[in-house]
C-alpha atoms as a PDB file:
ATOM      1  CA  UNK A   1      92.489  25.128 125.329  1.00  0.00           C
ATOM      2  CA  UNK A   2      92.493  21.526 123.980  1.00  0.00           C
ATOM      3  CA  UNK A   3      95.005  19.378 126.790  1.00  0.00           C
ATOM      4  CA  UNK A   4      95.077  21.909 129.647  1.00  0.00           C
ATOM      5  CA  UNK A   5      93.303  21.530 132.713  1.00  0.00           C
ATOM      6  CA  UNK A   6      89.679  22.019 132.967  1.00  0.00           C
ATOM      7  CA  UNK A   7      89.097  24.806 135.569  1.00  0.00           C
ATOM      8  CA  UNK A   8      92.389  26.505 135.741  1.00  0.00           C
ATOM      9  CA  UNK A   9      91.773  26.941 131.490  1.00  0.00           C
ATOM     10  CA  UNK A  10      87.766  28.076 132.021  1.00  0.00           C
ATOM     11  CA  UNK A  11      88.958  30.209 134.649  1.00  0.00           C
ATOM     12  CA  UNK A  12      91.322  32.256 133.065  1.00  0.00           C
ATOM     13  CA  UNK A  13      89.634  32.161 130.031  1.00  0.00           C
ATOM     14  CA  UNK A  14      86.675  34.298 132.350  1.00  0.00           C
ATOM     15  CA  UNK A  15      89.147  36.768 133.501  1.00  0.00           C
ATOM     16  CA  UNK A  16      90.685  36.998 130.250  1.00  0.00           C
ATOM     17  CA  UNK A  17      86.945  37.863 128.957  1.00  0.00           C
ATOM     18  CA  UNK A  18      87.448  35.852 125.907  1.00  0.00           C
ATOM     19  CA  UNK A  19      84.607  34.903 123.578  1.00  0.00           C
ATOM     20  CA  UNK A  20      82.244  31.702 125.246  1.00  0.00           C
ATOM     21  CA  UNK A  21      82.155  30.757 121.275  1.00  0.00           C
ATOM     22  CA  UNK A  22      85.596  31.050 120.420  1.00  0.00           C
ATOM     23  CA  UNK A  23      86.711  29.376 123.460  1.00  0.00           C
ATOM     24  CA  UNK A  24      83.846  26.272 122.748  1.00  0.00           C
ATOM     25  CA  UNK A  25      85.271  26.472 119.481  1.00  0.00           C
ATOM     26  CA  UNK A  26      88.417  25.809 120.216  1.00  0.00           C
ATOM     27  CA  UNK A  27      87.596  23.000 122.446  1.00  0.00           C
ATOM     28  CA  UNK A  28      85.956  21.246 119.675  1.00  0.00           C
ATOM     29  CA  UNK A  29      88.907  18.962 118.539  1.00  0.00           C
ATOM     30  CA  UNK A  30      89.352  17.095 121.472  1.00  0.00           C
ATOM     31  CA  UNK A  31      86.222  15.304 120.626  1.00  0.00           C
ATOM     32  CA  UNK A  32      88.046  12.967 118.273  1.00  0.00           C
ATOM     33  CA  UNK A  33      90.513  12.067 120.861  1.00  0.00           C
ATOM     34  CA  UNK A  34      87.163  11.455 123.522  1.00  0.00           C
ATOM     35  CA  UNK A  35      84.668   9.516 121.478  1.00  0.00           C
ATOM     36  CA  UNK A  36      87.015   6.865 120.767  1.00  0.00           C
ATOM     37  CA  UNK A  37      88.478   6.414 124.452  1.00  0.00           C
ATOM     38  CA  UNK A  38      84.783   6.638 125.780  1.00  0.00           C
ATOM     39  CA  UNK A  39      83.285   3.627 123.520  1.00  0.00           C
ATOM     40  CA  UNK A  40      86.832   1.614 124.279  1.00  0.00           C
ATOM     41  CA  UNK A  41      85.779   1.693 128.097  1.00  0.00           C
ATOM     42  CA  UNK A  42      82.079   1.007 127.156  1.00  0.00           C
ATOM     43  CA  UNK A  43      82.389  -2.141 124.988  1.00  0.00           C
ATOM     44  CA  UNK A  44      85.070  -3.259 127.350  1.00  0.00           C
ATOM     45  CA  UNK A  45      82.080  -3.028 129.694  1.00  0.00           C
ATOM     46  CA  UNK A  46      80.066  -5.101 127.576  1.00  0.00           C
ATOM     47  CA  UNK A  47      82.701  -7.713 127.021  1.00  0.00           C
ATOM     48  CA  UNK A  48      81.519 -10.519 128.749  1.00  0.00           C
ATOM     49  CA  UNK A  49      77.566  -9.919 126.618  1.00  0.00           C
ATOM     50  CA  UNK A  50      79.887 -11.442 123.890  1.00  0.00           C
ATOM     51  CA  UNK A  51      83.024 -11.546 121.362  1.00  0.00           C
ATOM     52  CA  UNK A  52      81.674  -8.741 119.107  1.00  0.00           C
ATOM     53  CA  UNK A  53      81.973  -6.362 122.132  1.00  0.00           C
ATOM     54  CA  UNK A  54      85.807  -7.465 123.198  1.00  0.00           C
ATOM     55  CA  UNK A  55      86.470  -6.860 119.377  1.00  0.00           C
ATOM     56  CA  UNK A  56      84.898  -3.694 119.152  1.00  0.00           C
ATOM     57  CA  UNK A  57      86.572  -2.897 122.703  1.00  0.00           C
ATOM     58  CA  UNK A  58      89.995  -3.467 120.716  1.00  0.00           C
ATOM     59  CA  UNK A  59      89.260  -1.949 117.559  1.00  0.00           C
ATOM     60  CA  UNK A  60      88.147   1.194 119.691  1.00  0.00           C
ATOM     61  CA  UNK A  61      91.556   0.893 121.936  1.00  0.00           C
ATOM     62  CA  UNK A  62      93.491   0.203 118.855  1.00  0.00           C
ATOM     63  CA  UNK A  63      92.352   3.551 117.496  1.00  0.00           C
ATOM     64  CA  UNK A  64      92.589   5.523 120.752  1.00  0.00           C
ATOM     65  CA  UNK A  65      96.069   4.748 120.745  1.00  0.00           C
ATOM     66  CA  UNK A  66      96.480   5.534 116.617  1.00  0.00           C
ATOM     67  CA  UNK A  67      94.880   8.926 116.939  1.00  0.00           C
ATOM     68  CA  UNK A  68      96.906   9.613 120.576  1.00  0.00           C
ATOM     69  CA  UNK A  69     100.336   8.710 119.119  1.00  0.00           C
ATOM     70  CA  UNK A  70      99.079  11.399 115.710  1.00  0.00           C
ATOM     71  CA  UNK A  71      98.248  13.821 117.989  1.00  0.00           C
ATOM     72  CA  UNK A  72     101.735  13.563 120.072  1.00  0.00           C
ATOM     73  CA  UNK A  73     103.405  14.172 117.256  1.00  0.00           C
ATOM     74  CA  UNK A  74     101.298  17.063 116.017  1.00  0.00           C
ATOM     75  CA  UNK A  75     101.862  18.762 119.311  1.00  0.00           C
ATOM     76  CA  UNK A  76     106.200  17.710 118.522  1.00  0.00           C
ATOM     77  CA  UNK A  77     105.988  18.996 114.451  1.00  0.00           C
ATOM     78  CA  UNK A  78     104.054  22.215 115.708  1.00  0.00           C
ATOM     79  CA  UNK A  79     106.145  22.856 119.300  1.00  0.00           C
ATOM     80  CA  UNK A  80     109.540  22.197 116.867  1.00  0.00           C
ATOM     81  CA  UNK A  81     108.722  24.323 114.525  1.00  0.00           C
ATOM     82  CA  UNK A  82     107.903  27.655 116.695  1.00  0.00           C
ATOM     83  CA  UNK A  83     111.358  26.844 117.924  1.00  0.00           C
ATOM     84  CA  UNK A  84     112.862  26.817 114.548  1.00  0.00           C
ATOM     85  CA  UNK A  85     111.073  30.721 113.421  1.00  0.00           C
ATOM     86  CA  UNK A  86     111.562  31.804 116.899  1.00  0.00           C
ATOM     87  CA  UNK A  87     114.997  30.766 118.383  1.00  0.00           C
ATOM     88  CA  UNK A  88     117.020  30.142 115.098  1.00  0.00           C
END
């Protein structure tokens, strides 16, 4: 459920009569990505109030980039594993 477009994913989950609890549980990992991303924007918005906010924004941007790279690596690793197991 994480990473897909919100509306079609939600509609498909409803059509398939999936458990609401399982759907909510399946989307909780995205919090680890959204939190530093939202904080990056918030800190950059306040950077005119002092150097602390600018530094915090830079830190959150770096953390967001690291998390993004880690998520992409996890996706590639999973896809490669499935391809090797199912097609080779």
